[in-house]
Amino acid sequence: MKIEFVASAASAEVLAVLVHDGRALAGSAGQLDAASSGALTKAMGASRFTGGANSTLIVAAPHGVDANVVVLTGAGAPDKFDDLALEAAAGAAYHAVKMSGATILTIDVGHLSADQAARAAFAARLASYRFLKYRTTLKAEKAASIETIRVVAADPKAAEHAYGASYAAVAEAVEFSRDLVAEPANVLYPAEYAKRVKGLEKLGLEVEILGEKELEKLGFRTLLAVGQGSVRESQVAIMKWNGGAKGDQPIAFVGKGVCFDTGGISIKPAEGMEEMKWDMGGSAAVVGLMHALAGRKAKVNAVGVIGLVENMPDGNATRPGDIVESLSGQTVEILNTDAEGRLVLADCLWYTQDRFKPKFMLDLATLTGAMIVALGLEYAGVFSNSDELANNFLAAGPKVGENAWRMPIPAAYERHIDSPIADVKNMGNGRAGGSITAALFLQRFTNGTPWAHIDIAPTAWVKDSKSPTVPDGAVGWGVRTLDRMVKDSYES
């Protein structure tokens, strides 16, 4: 998607303008209405369009207006028109005309700030995302036609600078994360995933890949236990961004990267198993964050660690009842091989705190179906031993439209993961509190480091998106929240 910033909407192919609740024309919309002898007001009066959020009305070739089509884009109530409302309006404008045959969409926000103009472009770019890599027979009439987003800004140079300084990098990172989650598992297996992460060195990241020989030597045995039933070699990818002061303690992010999850010997039902290609959504969020930090040259030292495995049934696969010694030295009784993500994270968390001594660790994982039962499909769950870290994450989410809710990790539930023959077992007693016992399991591998666990099972993939800037399928959930949290709370 090509992004441009201009001072005027002259000769626009398709021109989008904002309208607030009550059909209140905003910015240049009033001037267009006057130039067209009230054509926009008349069109609204003859429709159900009132300026509500996420609504649009297309007015074709109004007389006196230098545009082939005018899109009236609902901006909602003026007193509630914030950055997210602007994003929704820009995204809705894109969707209203994406199949029209027009190639350039001009969004007129000349009455808003340079940063808001940049954000409108950012939102339209996110709205335009589609994963079409394997659609070889897609006909032209079914493909989006818009190739350029042109944003009218009071100060185009300032808007372009704001977009280039941050928004473009975050958009690219979200798109990269979405691509990872959308890829099928026969294409994005652990070694290929690691290769793509290695390619991010072009952004300035330092990337280290550990294969199975190195992992075995280091003692990543719970991670390797998950992958031992697959012919695909397990990997760990370590990303470092050194944008802060030399010697400053880094912040650290850990991601679950189960590239496909059959459940192993504790095999899942066949229905819906194809969706388990996105069981690496947590790792994709971490990769997306590191991509964004490097892309916008963030002033912070950060580490990203992702464990990449396939969980497959095989004669060599881990059996229910097996006991494995983790990197931490703690022994784990594996009662259910479909509780595998916590085994991957256990070794990655211990390794991260032991090697990098970070200020905090934050892990993301599509960890439990119980999280969906608890919170539905709109919220991720937040578990933490640090109020400060949890609050920083929870404060960032609403600013970018990603919802999360803090959950308890009561010490009284620890007994549910105590094993009679090992140090810990990888599941609780039955279904009750499944997300909580999973978080308590992870906490045992943090060694007292400030830590937060984000269970994104409800939010990594969406089937019926209600947001104009989020597609059906891979969301790239977490990239924006993490980047905003880092920017607001941790950059120097």
Protein backbone atom coordinates (compact mmCIF):
# COMPACT_ATOMS: atom_id res chain seq x y z
CA MET A 1 0.00 0.00 0.00
CA LYS A 2 1.47 3.35 -1.05
CA ILE A 3 0.98 6.17 1.46
CA GLU A 4 1.05 9.87 0.47
CA PHE A 5 0.39 13.12 2.32
CA VAL A 6 -0.91 16.15 0.41
CA ALA A 7 -2.16 19.66 1.14
CA SER A 8 -5.25 19.50 -1.06
CA ALA A 9 -7.87 16.99 -2.20
CA ALA A 10 -8.08 18.49 -5.69
CA SER A 11 -9.16 16.07 -8.44
CA ALA A 12 -9.63 13.14 -6.06
CA GLU A 13 -10.72 9.82 -7.50
CA VAL A 14 -12.43 8.86 -4.25
CA LEU A 15 -12.62 11.40 -1.41
CA ALA A 16 -13.49 10.42 2.16
CA VAL A 17 -14.60 13.05 4.69
CA LEU A 18 -15.73 12.77 8.30
CA VAL A 19 -19.28 13.13 9.59
CA HIS A 20 -20.15 13.07 13.29
CA ASP A 21 -23.34 11.87 14.96
CA GLY A 22 -26.41 13.86 14.00
CA ARG A 23 -25.09 14.22 10.42
CA ALA A 24 -22.68 16.93 11.53
CA LEU A 25 -20.24 17.52 8.69
CA ALA A 26 -16.62 17.85 9.89
CA GLY A 27 -13.60 19.58 8.38
CA SER A 28 -13.86 20.12 4.64
CA ALA A 29 -17.16 18.22 4.41
CA GLY A 30 -19.13 21.40 5.02
CA GLN A 31 -17.35 23.17 2.18
CA LEU A 32 -18.03 20.25 -0.14
CA ASP A 33 -21.69 20.34 0.80
CA ALA A 34 -21.88 24.05 0.03
CA ALA A 35 -20.07 23.58 -3.30
CA SER A 36 -22.52 20.86 -4.28
CA SER A 37 -25.60 22.94 -3.34
CA GLY A 38 -26.32 20.70 -0.36
CA ALA A 39 -25.95 17.39 -2.21
CA LEU A 40 -24.27 15.70 0.75
CA THR A 41 -26.95 16.84 3.18
CA LYS A 42 -29.65 15.68 0.77
CA ALA A 43 -27.99 12.28 0.36
CA MET A 44 -27.85 11.82 4.12
CA GLY A 45 -31.46 12.87 4.48
CA ALA A 46 -32.50 10.22 2.00
CA SER A 47 -30.60 7.46 3.85
CA ARG A 48 -30.20 5.93 7.28
CA PHE A 49 -26.68 7.29 7.59
CA THR A 50 -26.36 9.54 10.64
CA GLY A 51 -22.57 9.66 11.18
CA GLY A 52 -22.39 6.73 13.58
CA ALA A 53 -19.07 4.97 14.08
CA ASN A 54 -18.08 2.41 11.42
CA SER A 55 -20.79 3.57 9.02
CA THR A 56 -20.34 5.02 5.54
CA LEU A 57 -22.43 6.56 2.76
CA ILE A 58 -21.20 6.76 -0.83
CA VAL A 59 -22.26 9.77 -2.88
CA ALA A 60 -21.42 9.43 -6.57
CA ALA A 61 -20.17 12.42 -8.56
CA PRO A 62 -21.85 15.27 -6.62
CA HIS A 63 -22.14 18.38 -8.81
CA GLY A 64 -19.60 21.08 -7.99
CA VAL A 65 -17.17 18.75 -6.22
CA ASP A 66 -13.84 17.84 -7.80
CA ALA A 67 -14.09 14.14 -6.99
CA ASN A 68 -15.62 11.14 -8.75
CA VAL A 69 -16.99 9.75 -5.48
CA VAL A 70 -17.39 11.18 -2.00
CA VAL A 71 -17.46 8.79 0.95
CA LEU A 72 -19.16 10.16 4.05
CA THR A 73 -17.47 8.33 6.91
CA GLY A 74 -19.07 8.06 10.32
CA ALA A 75 -16.88 9.46 13.09
CA GLY A 76 -19.33 9.03 15.98
CA ALA A 77 -19.95 11.54 18.75
CA PRO A 78 -17.65 14.61 18.60
CA ASP A 79 -16.89 14.45 22.34
CA LYS A 80 -15.80 10.82 21.96
CA PHE A 81 -13.76 11.29 18.82
CA ASP A 82 -10.37 10.01 19.90
CA ASP A 83 -7.50 8.30 18.08
CA LEU A 84 -9.30 4.95 17.96
CA ALA A 85 -12.44 6.57 16.53
CA LEU A 86 -10.25 8.15 13.84
CA GLU A 87 -8.68 4.77 13.08
CA ALA A 88 -12.11 3.18 12.76
CA ALA A 89 -13.30 5.95 10.42
CA ALA A 90 -10.25 5.66 8.17
CA GLY A 91 -10.54 1.89 8.09
CA ALA A 92 -14.26 2.04 7.31
CA ALA A 93 -13.60 4.46 4.44
CA TYR A 94 -11.13 2.01 2.95
CA HIS A 95 -13.54 -0.93 3.19
CA ALA A 96 -16.35 1.11 1.63
CA VAL A 97 -14.48 1.48 -1.66
CA LYS A 98 -11.81 -1.21 -1.70
CA MET A 99 -13.66 -3.25 -4.36
CA SER A 100 -14.93 -0.29 -6.36
CA GLY A 101 -12.30 -0.33 -9.08
CA ALA A 102 -10.82 2.98 -7.93
CA THR A 103 -7.08 2.91 -7.26
CA ILE A 104 -6.59 5.98 -5.03
CA LEU A 105 -8.47 6.76 -1.84
CA THR A 106 -8.03 10.29 -0.52
CA ILE A 107 -8.89 10.81 3.15
CA ASP A 108 -9.34 14.46 4.07
CA VAL A 109 -8.38 15.15 7.67
CA GLY A 110 -6.85 18.56 7.02
CA HIS A 111 -8.62 19.96 10.07
CA LEU A 112 -6.81 17.53 12.39
CA SER A 113 -3.22 17.43 13.68
CA ALA A 114 -0.24 16.07 11.77
CA ASP A 115 -0.09 13.07 14.11
CA GLN A 116 -3.77 12.33 13.53
CA ALA A 117 -3.24 12.53 9.77
CA ALA A 118 -0.42 10.00 10.13
CA ARG A 119 -2.67 7.79 12.24
CA ALA A 120 -5.39 7.88 9.59
CA ALA A 121 -2.89 6.61 7.03
CA PHE A 122 -1.71 3.95 9.47
CA ALA A 123 -5.28 2.77 10.06
CA ALA A 124 -6.09 2.57 6.35
CA ARG A 125 -2.94 0.52 5.81
CA LEU A 126 -3.90 -1.93 8.56
CA ALA A 127 -7.41 -2.14 7.10
CA SER A 128 -5.98 -3.07 3.69
CA TYR A 129 -4.20 -6.18 4.95
CA ARG A 130 -5.17 -9.47 3.32
CA PHE A 131 -3.24 -12.75 3.28
CA LEU A 132 -3.47 -13.67 -0.41
CA LYS A 133 -0.18 -15.52 -0.88
CA TYR A 134 -1.88 -18.74 -1.94
CA ARG A 135 -4.84 -17.31 -3.88
CA THR A 136 -3.52 -18.08 -7.36
CA THR A 137 -6.90 -17.97 -9.13
CA LEU A 138 -8.32 -14.87 -7.46
CA LYS A 139 -10.08 -12.86 -10.15
CA ALA A 140 -9.47 -9.14 -10.51
CA GLU A 141 -13.07 -8.26 -9.67
CA LYS A 142 -12.70 -10.04 -6.34
CA ALA A 143 -9.46 -8.31 -5.44
CA ALA A 144 -9.17 -4.96 -3.70
CA SER A 145 -8.41 -2.21 -6.21
CA ILE A 146 -7.15 0.58 -3.93
CA GLU A 147 -3.38 0.87 -4.33
CA THR A 148 -2.70 4.28 -2.79
CA ILE A 149 -3.90 6.01 0.36
CA ARG A 150 -3.59 9.78 0.02
CA VAL A 151 -4.15 11.78 3.21
CA VAL A 152 -4.93 15.49 3.16
CA ALA A 153 -3.09 17.17 6.05
CA ALA A 154 -2.68 20.79 7.13
CA ASP A 155 1.08 20.16 7.25
CA PRO A 156 1.89 17.27 4.89
CA LYS A 157 5.59 17.24 5.73
CA ALA A 158 4.90 17.02 9.46
CA ALA A 159 2.36 14.25 8.88
CA GLU A 160 4.78 12.34 6.68
CA HIS A 161 7.47 12.66 9.34
CA ALA A 162 5.10 11.41 12.06
CA TYR A 163 4.11 8.47 9.90
CA GLY A 164 7.68 7.56 9.02
CA ALA A 165 9.03 8.02 12.53
CA SER A 166 6.77 5.43 14.13
CA TYR A 167 3.52 4.43 12.46
CA ALA A 168 5.08 2.89 9.35
CA ALA A 169 7.37 0.67 11.43
CA VAL A 170 4.51 -0.54 13.63
CA ALA A 171 2.28 -1.21 10.61
CA GLU A 172 5.01 -3.26 8.97
CA ALA A 173 5.55 -5.17 12.22
CA VAL A 174 1.84 -5.95 12.60
CA GLU A 175 1.71 -7.14 8.99
CA PHE A 176 4.77 -9.34 9.53
CA SER A 177 3.18 -10.84 12.64
CA ARG A 178 -0.10 -11.47 10.81
CA ASP A 179 1.76 -13.19 7.98
CA LEU A 180 3.48 -15.53 10.42
CA VAL A 181 0.23 -16.53 12.10
CA ALA A 182 -1.59 -16.98 8.79
CA GLU A 183 1.02 -19.27 7.21
CA PRO A 184 0.16 -22.99 7.07
CA ALA A 185 2.26 -25.31 9.21
CA ASN A 186 3.72 -27.19 6.25
CA VAL A 187 5.34 -23.89 5.23
CA LEU A 188 6.10 -22.28 8.60
CA TYR A 189 7.71 -25.08 10.59
CA PRO A 190 10.31 -24.28 13.29
CA ALA A 191 13.42 -24.09 11.08
CA GLU A 192 11.67 -21.94 8.47
CA TYR A 193 10.27 -19.70 11.19
CA ALA A 194 13.75 -19.28 12.65
CA LYS A 195 15.06 -18.43 9.18
CA ARG A 196 12.51 -15.64 8.83
CA VAL A 197 13.44 -14.26 12.24
CA LYS A 198 17.11 -14.36 11.23
CA GLY A 199 16.17 -12.22 8.24
CA LEU A 200 15.24 -9.40 10.62
CA GLU A 201 18.92 -8.72 11.18
CA LYS A 202 18.54 -6.33 8.24
CA LEU A 203 16.61 -4.05 10.63
CA GLY A 204 19.48 -3.99 13.11
CA LEU A 205 18.39 -6.81 15.41
CA GLU A 206 20.95 -9.29 16.67
CA VAL A 207 19.52 -12.78 16.12
CA GLU A 208 20.81 -16.07 17.50
CA ILE A 209 19.28 -19.44 16.61
CA LEU A 210 19.69 -22.49 18.83
CA GLY A 211 19.12 -25.91 17.24
CA GLU A 212 18.40 -29.19 18.98
CA LYS A 213 22.05 -30.05 19.67
CA GLU A 214 22.59 -26.72 21.43
CA LEU A 215 19.27 -27.00 23.25
CA GLU A 216 20.05 -30.50 24.49
CA LYS A 217 23.47 -29.38 25.68
CA LEU A 218 21.96 -26.39 27.50
CA GLY A 219 19.22 -28.51 29.08
CA PHE A 220 16.02 -27.35 27.32
CA ARG A 221 14.46 -30.75 27.97
CA THR A 222 10.84 -29.75 28.57
CA LEU A 223 10.85 -27.80 25.30
CA LEU A 224 12.49 -30.70 23.47
CA ALA A 225 9.98 -33.12 25.02
CA VAL A 226 7.21 -31.29 23.16
CA GLY A 227 8.96 -31.49 19.80
CA GLN A 228 10.42 -34.98 19.96
CA GLY A 229 7.46 -36.55 18.16
CA SER A 230 7.98 -34.38 15.07
CA VAL A 231 10.38 -34.87 12.18
CA ARG A 232 10.86 -31.08 12.28
CA GLU A 233 13.74 -29.93 14.45
CA SER A 234 12.85 -27.70 17.40
CA GLN A 235 14.48 -24.28 17.59
CA VAL A 236 14.85 -21.31 19.91
CA ALA A 237 15.28 -17.86 18.38
CA ILE A 238 16.81 -15.06 20.43
CA MET A 239 16.45 -11.45 19.27
CA LYS A 240 18.26 -8.49 20.81
CA TRP A 241 17.67 -4.79 20.24
CA ASN A 242 20.25 -2.50 21.77
CA GLY A 243 18.70 0.95 21.46
CA GLY A 244 19.18 2.10 25.04
CA ALA A 245 22.26 3.08 26.98
CA LYS A 246 25.09 0.57 26.94
CA GLY A 247 24.91 -1.64 29.99
CA ASP A 248 21.28 -0.79 30.80
CA GLN A 249 19.30 -3.78 32.03
CA PRO A 250 17.10 -5.08 29.19
CA ILE A 251 13.40 -5.76 29.18
CA ALA A 252 12.46 -9.23 27.96
CA PHE A 253 9.63 -10.85 26.02
CA VAL A 254 9.06 -14.58 25.62
CA GLY A 255 6.72 -16.24 23.13
CA LYS A 256 5.15 -19.65 22.68
CA GLY A 257 5.85 -20.83 19.14
CA VAL A 258 4.05 -24.15 18.67
CA CYS A 259 3.94 -24.12 14.88
CA PHE A 260 1.33 -26.86 14.90
CA ASP A 261 -0.36 -28.51 17.83
CA THR A 262 -2.05 -31.87 17.37
CA GLY A 263 -2.01 -32.38 21.13
CA GLY A 264 0.60 -35.11 20.73
CA ILE A 265 -0.33 -38.48 22.24
CA SER A 266 -3.18 -36.67 24.06
CA ILE A 267 -4.48 -35.90 20.59
CA LYS A 268 -7.09 -33.23 19.96
CA PRO A 269 -10.44 -33.89 18.22
CA ALA A 270 -10.23 -33.60 14.44
CA GLU A 271 -12.81 -30.81 14.23
CA GLY A 272 -11.06 -27.46 14.23
CA MET A 273 -7.57 -28.92 14.45
CA GLU A 274 -6.58 -27.02 11.30
CA GLU A 275 -6.74 -23.86 13.39
CA MET A 276 -3.81 -25.06 15.46
CA LYS A 277 -1.43 -23.56 12.91
CA TRP A 278 -1.92 -20.33 14.89
CA ASP A 279 -0.77 -21.84 18.17
CA MET A 280 2.39 -19.81 17.64
CA GLY A 281 0.54 -16.49 17.95
CA GLY A 282 2.41 -15.54 21.14
CA SER A 283 5.76 -15.90 19.44
CA ALA A 284 4.51 -13.87 16.47
CA ALA A 285 3.60 -11.04 18.85
CA VAL A 286 7.12 -11.08 20.30
CA VAL A 287 8.68 -11.10 16.83
CA GLY A 288 6.36 -8.28 15.78
CA LEU A 289 7.37 -6.22 18.80
CA MET A 290 11.09 -6.68 18.13
CA HIS A 291 10.44 -5.78 14.47
CA ALA A 292 8.68 -2.59 15.58
CA LEU A 293 11.36 -1.60 18.10
CA ALA A 294 14.09 -1.98 15.51
CA GLY A 295 12.02 -0.33 12.78
CA ARG A 296 11.39 2.83 14.78
CA LYS A 297 14.82 2.79 16.50
CA ALA A 298 13.36 2.58 19.99
CA LYS A 299 15.54 3.91 22.80
CA VAL A 300 15.49 0.78 24.90
CA ASN A 301 17.41 -2.46 25.32
CA ALA A 302 15.10 -5.39 24.66
CA VAL A 303 15.35 -9.16 24.29
CA GLY A 304 12.88 -11.46 22.58
CA VAL A 305 13.03 -15.25 23.05
CA ILE A 306 10.70 -17.64 21.23
CA GLY A 307 10.50 -21.41 21.52
CA LEU A 308 9.62 -23.07 18.19
CA VAL A 309 8.32 -26.64 18.12
CA GLU A 310 5.75 -28.94 16.54
CA ASN A 311 3.63 -31.11 18.83
CA MET A 312 2.99 -34.33 16.91
CA PRO A 313 1.99 -37.94 17.77
CA ASP A 314 4.70 -40.44 16.93
CA GLY A 315 6.43 -43.54 18.28
CA ASN A 316 9.05 -41.19 19.68
CA ALA A 317 6.58 -38.69 21.15
CA THR A 318 6.42 -37.89 24.84
CA ARG A 319 3.92 -40.11 26.69
CA PRO A 320 1.46 -39.03 29.36
CA GLY A 321 3.10 -39.87 32.67
CA ASP A 322 6.67 -39.16 31.53
CA ILE A 323 8.88 -37.12 33.85
CA VAL A 324 11.35 -34.64 32.37
CA GLU A 325 14.00 -32.47 34.01
CA SER A 326 13.62 -28.84 32.96
CA LEU A 327 16.39 -26.31 32.35
CA SER A 328 15.72 -24.95 35.84
CA GLY A 329 16.49 -28.34 37.37
CA GLN A 330 12.89 -28.84 38.44
CA THR A 331 11.33 -32.10 37.35
CA VAL A 332 7.99 -32.02 35.51
CA GLU A 333 5.44 -34.82 35.37
CA ILE A 334 3.74 -34.55 31.98
CA LEU A 335 0.20 -35.80 32.52
CA ASN A 336 -1.25 -34.38 29.30
CA THR A 337 0.84 -33.79 26.19
CA ASP A 338 -1.71 -31.22 24.99
CA ALA A 339 -0.64 -28.96 27.86
CA GLU A 340 2.52 -28.38 25.86
CA GLY A 341 2.88 -24.61 25.58
CA ARG A 342 3.77 -24.23 29.25
CA LEU A 343 6.56 -26.79 28.76
CA VAL A 344 8.03 -24.70 25.96
CA LEU A 345 7.75 -21.49 27.97
CA ALA A 346 9.15 -23.03 31.16
CA ASP A 347 12.59 -23.52 29.65
CA CYS A 348 12.48 -20.24 27.69
CA LEU A 349 11.54 -18.22 30.77
CA TRP A 350 14.26 -19.76 32.90
CA TYR A 351 16.87 -19.26 30.18
CA THR A 352 15.83 -15.63 29.68
CA GLN A 353 16.04 -14.64 33.35
CA ASP A 354 19.26 -16.58 33.88
CA ARG A 355 21.15 -15.26 30.84
CA PHE A 356 19.87 -11.70 30.46
CA LYS A 357 18.92 -10.68 34.03
CA PRO A 358 16.08 -8.48 32.69
CA LYS A 359 14.06 -5.80 34.48
CA PHE A 360 11.04 -7.96 33.79
CA MET A 361 9.83 -10.81 31.62
CA LEU A 362 6.51 -10.78 29.80
CA ASP A 363 5.38 -13.90 27.96
CA LEU A 364 2.59 -14.26 25.43
CA ALA A 365 0.94 -17.53 24.47
CA THR A 366 -2.20 -19.03 23.03
CA LEU A 367 -2.05 -21.16 26.13
CA THR A 368 -5.48 -22.37 27.26
CA GLY A 369 -8.95 -22.94 25.92
CA ALA A 370 -10.06 -22.18 29.47
CA MET A 371 -9.13 -18.54 28.83
CA ILE A 372 -11.79 -18.40 26.12
CA VAL A 373 -14.32 -19.92 28.53
CA ALA A 374 -13.42 -17.29 31.14
CA LEU A 375 -13.24 -14.15 28.98
CA GLY A 376 -14.87 -14.93 25.64
CA LEU A 377 -13.25 -13.80 22.40
CA GLU A 378 -12.65 -10.11 23.08
CA TYR A 379 -10.17 -10.11 25.96
CA ALA A 380 -6.77 -11.63 26.68
CA GLY A 381 -5.98 -12.70 30.22
CA VAL A 382 -3.19 -11.07 32.24
CA PHE A 383 -1.46 -12.90 35.10
CA SER A 384 1.41 -11.26 36.94
CA ASN A 385 3.52 -11.21 40.08
CA SER A 386 4.11 -7.46 39.56
CA ASP A 387 1.39 -4.84 39.87
CA GLU A 388 3.58 -2.29 38.11
CA LEU A 389 4.19 -4.48 35.07
CA ALA A 390 0.58 -5.63 34.85
CA ASN A 391 -0.70 -2.07 35.12
CA ASN A 392 1.69 -0.81 32.45
CA PHE A 393 0.45 -3.49 30.05
CA LEU A 394 -3.20 -2.91 30.91
CA ALA A 395 -2.80 0.85 30.45
CA ALA A 396 -1.35 0.44 26.96
CA GLY A 397 -4.03 -1.85 25.54
CA PRO A 398 -7.01 0.56 25.45
CA LYS A 399 -4.88 3.16 23.64
CA VAL A 400 -4.54 0.83 20.65
CA GLY A 401 -7.85 -1.02 20.85
CA GLU A 402 -6.59 -4.32 22.29
CA ASN A 403 -8.48 -5.56 25.36
CA ALA A 404 -7.05 -7.44 28.32
CA TRP A 405 -8.26 -8.31 31.81
CA ARG A 406 -6.21 -9.09 34.88
CA MET A 407 -6.71 -12.53 36.40
CA PRO A 408 -5.72 -13.86 39.85
CA ILE A 409 -2.87 -16.28 40.59
CA PRO A 410 -3.70 -17.28 44.17
CA ALA A 411 -1.11 -19.24 46.09
CA ALA A 412 -3.89 -21.48 47.36
CA TYR A 413 -4.13 -23.00 43.88
CA GLU A 414 -0.49 -24.07 43.86
CA ARG A 415 -1.48 -27.42 45.35
CA HIS A 416 -3.34 -28.26 42.15
CA ILE A 417 -0.06 -28.54 40.22
CA ASP A 418 1.93 -30.30 42.92
CA SER A 419 2.96 -33.76 41.72
CA PRO A 420 3.26 -36.74 44.07
CA ILE A 421 6.35 -38.03 42.22
CA ALA A 422 7.96 -34.92 40.66
CA ASP A 423 8.43 -31.25 41.50
CA VAL A 424 5.44 -30.11 39.46
CA LYS A 425 2.88 -31.52 37.03
CA ASN A 426 1.85 -29.81 33.82
CA MET A 427 -1.87 -29.62 34.52
CA GLY A 428 -4.22 -28.98 37.41
CA ASN A 429 -6.86 -31.20 38.93
CA GLY A 430 -9.58 -31.26 36.31
CA ARG A 431 -10.91 -28.32 34.32
CA ALA A 432 -11.46 -25.86 37.15
CA GLY A 433 -9.22 -22.80 36.94
CA GLY A 434 -7.26 -24.17 34.00
CA SER A 435 -5.82 -20.81 32.92
CA ILE A 436 -4.83 -19.99 36.50
CA THR A 437 -3.02 -23.27 37.12
CA ALA A 438 -1.21 -22.84 33.79
CA ALA A 439 -0.01 -19.40 34.89
CA LEU A 440 1.04 -20.76 38.28
CA PHE A 441 3.06 -23.44 36.48
CA LEU A 442 4.90 -20.75 34.49
CA GLN A 443 5.54 -18.68 37.60
CA ARG A 444 7.63 -21.53 39.03
CA PHE A 445 10.17 -20.89 36.25
CA THR A 446 10.56 -17.13 36.70
CA ASN A 447 12.95 -17.31 39.67
CA GLY A 448 11.33 -14.26 41.29
CA THR A 449 11.84 -11.97 38.30
CA PRO A 450 9.00 -9.46 37.77
CA TRP A 451 6.84 -11.28 35.25
CA ALA A 452 3.55 -11.17 33.41
CA HIS A 453 1.87 -13.89 31.40
CA ILE A 454 -0.60 -12.88 28.68
CA ASP A 455 -2.91 -15.68 27.53
CA ILE A 456 -3.97 -14.62 24.04
CA ALA A 457 -5.92 -17.75 23.13
CA PRO A 458 -9.11 -15.64 22.78
CA THR A 459 -7.58 -12.88 20.65
CA ALA A 460 -4.85 -14.21 18.33
CA TRP A 461 -7.30 -15.24 15.59
CA VAL A 462 -10.71 -13.84 14.76
CA LYS A 463 -13.46 -15.28 12.56
CA ASP A 464 -15.84 -12.32 12.44
CA SER A 465 -13.94 -9.12 13.07
CA LYS A 466 -15.91 -6.07 14.17
CA SER A 467 -12.95 -3.72 13.76
CA PRO A 468 -12.27 -2.04 10.39
CA THR A 469 -8.51 -2.25 10.99
CA VAL A 470 -8.44 -5.95 11.97
CA PRO A 471 -9.04 -8.63 9.33
CA ASP A 472 -10.68 -11.98 9.78
CA GLY A 473 -7.95 -14.50 10.53
CA ALA A 474 -4.58 -13.51 11.94
CA VAL A 475 -4.82 -10.41 14.13
CA GLY A 476 -1.20 -9.72 15.07
CA TRP A 477 -2.63 -9.17 18.53
CA GLY A 478 -0.24 -7.79 21.08
CA VAL A 479 2.27 -6.09 18.79
CA ARG A 480 0.68 -2.66 19.19
CA THR A 481 0.02 -3.02 22.92
CA LEU A 482 3.58 -4.13 23.64
CA ASP A 483 5.06 -1.38 21.51
CA ARG A 484 2.88 1.23 23.20
CA MET A 485 3.77 -0.12 26.65
CA VAL A 486 7.47 0.08 25.86
CA LYS A 487 7.11 3.59 24.45
CA ASP A 488 5.06 4.88 27.39
CA SER A 489 6.81 3.17 30.29
CA TYR A 490 10.31 1.99 29.43
CA GLU A 491 12.03 4.03 26.75
CA SER A 492 14.73 6.40 27.92
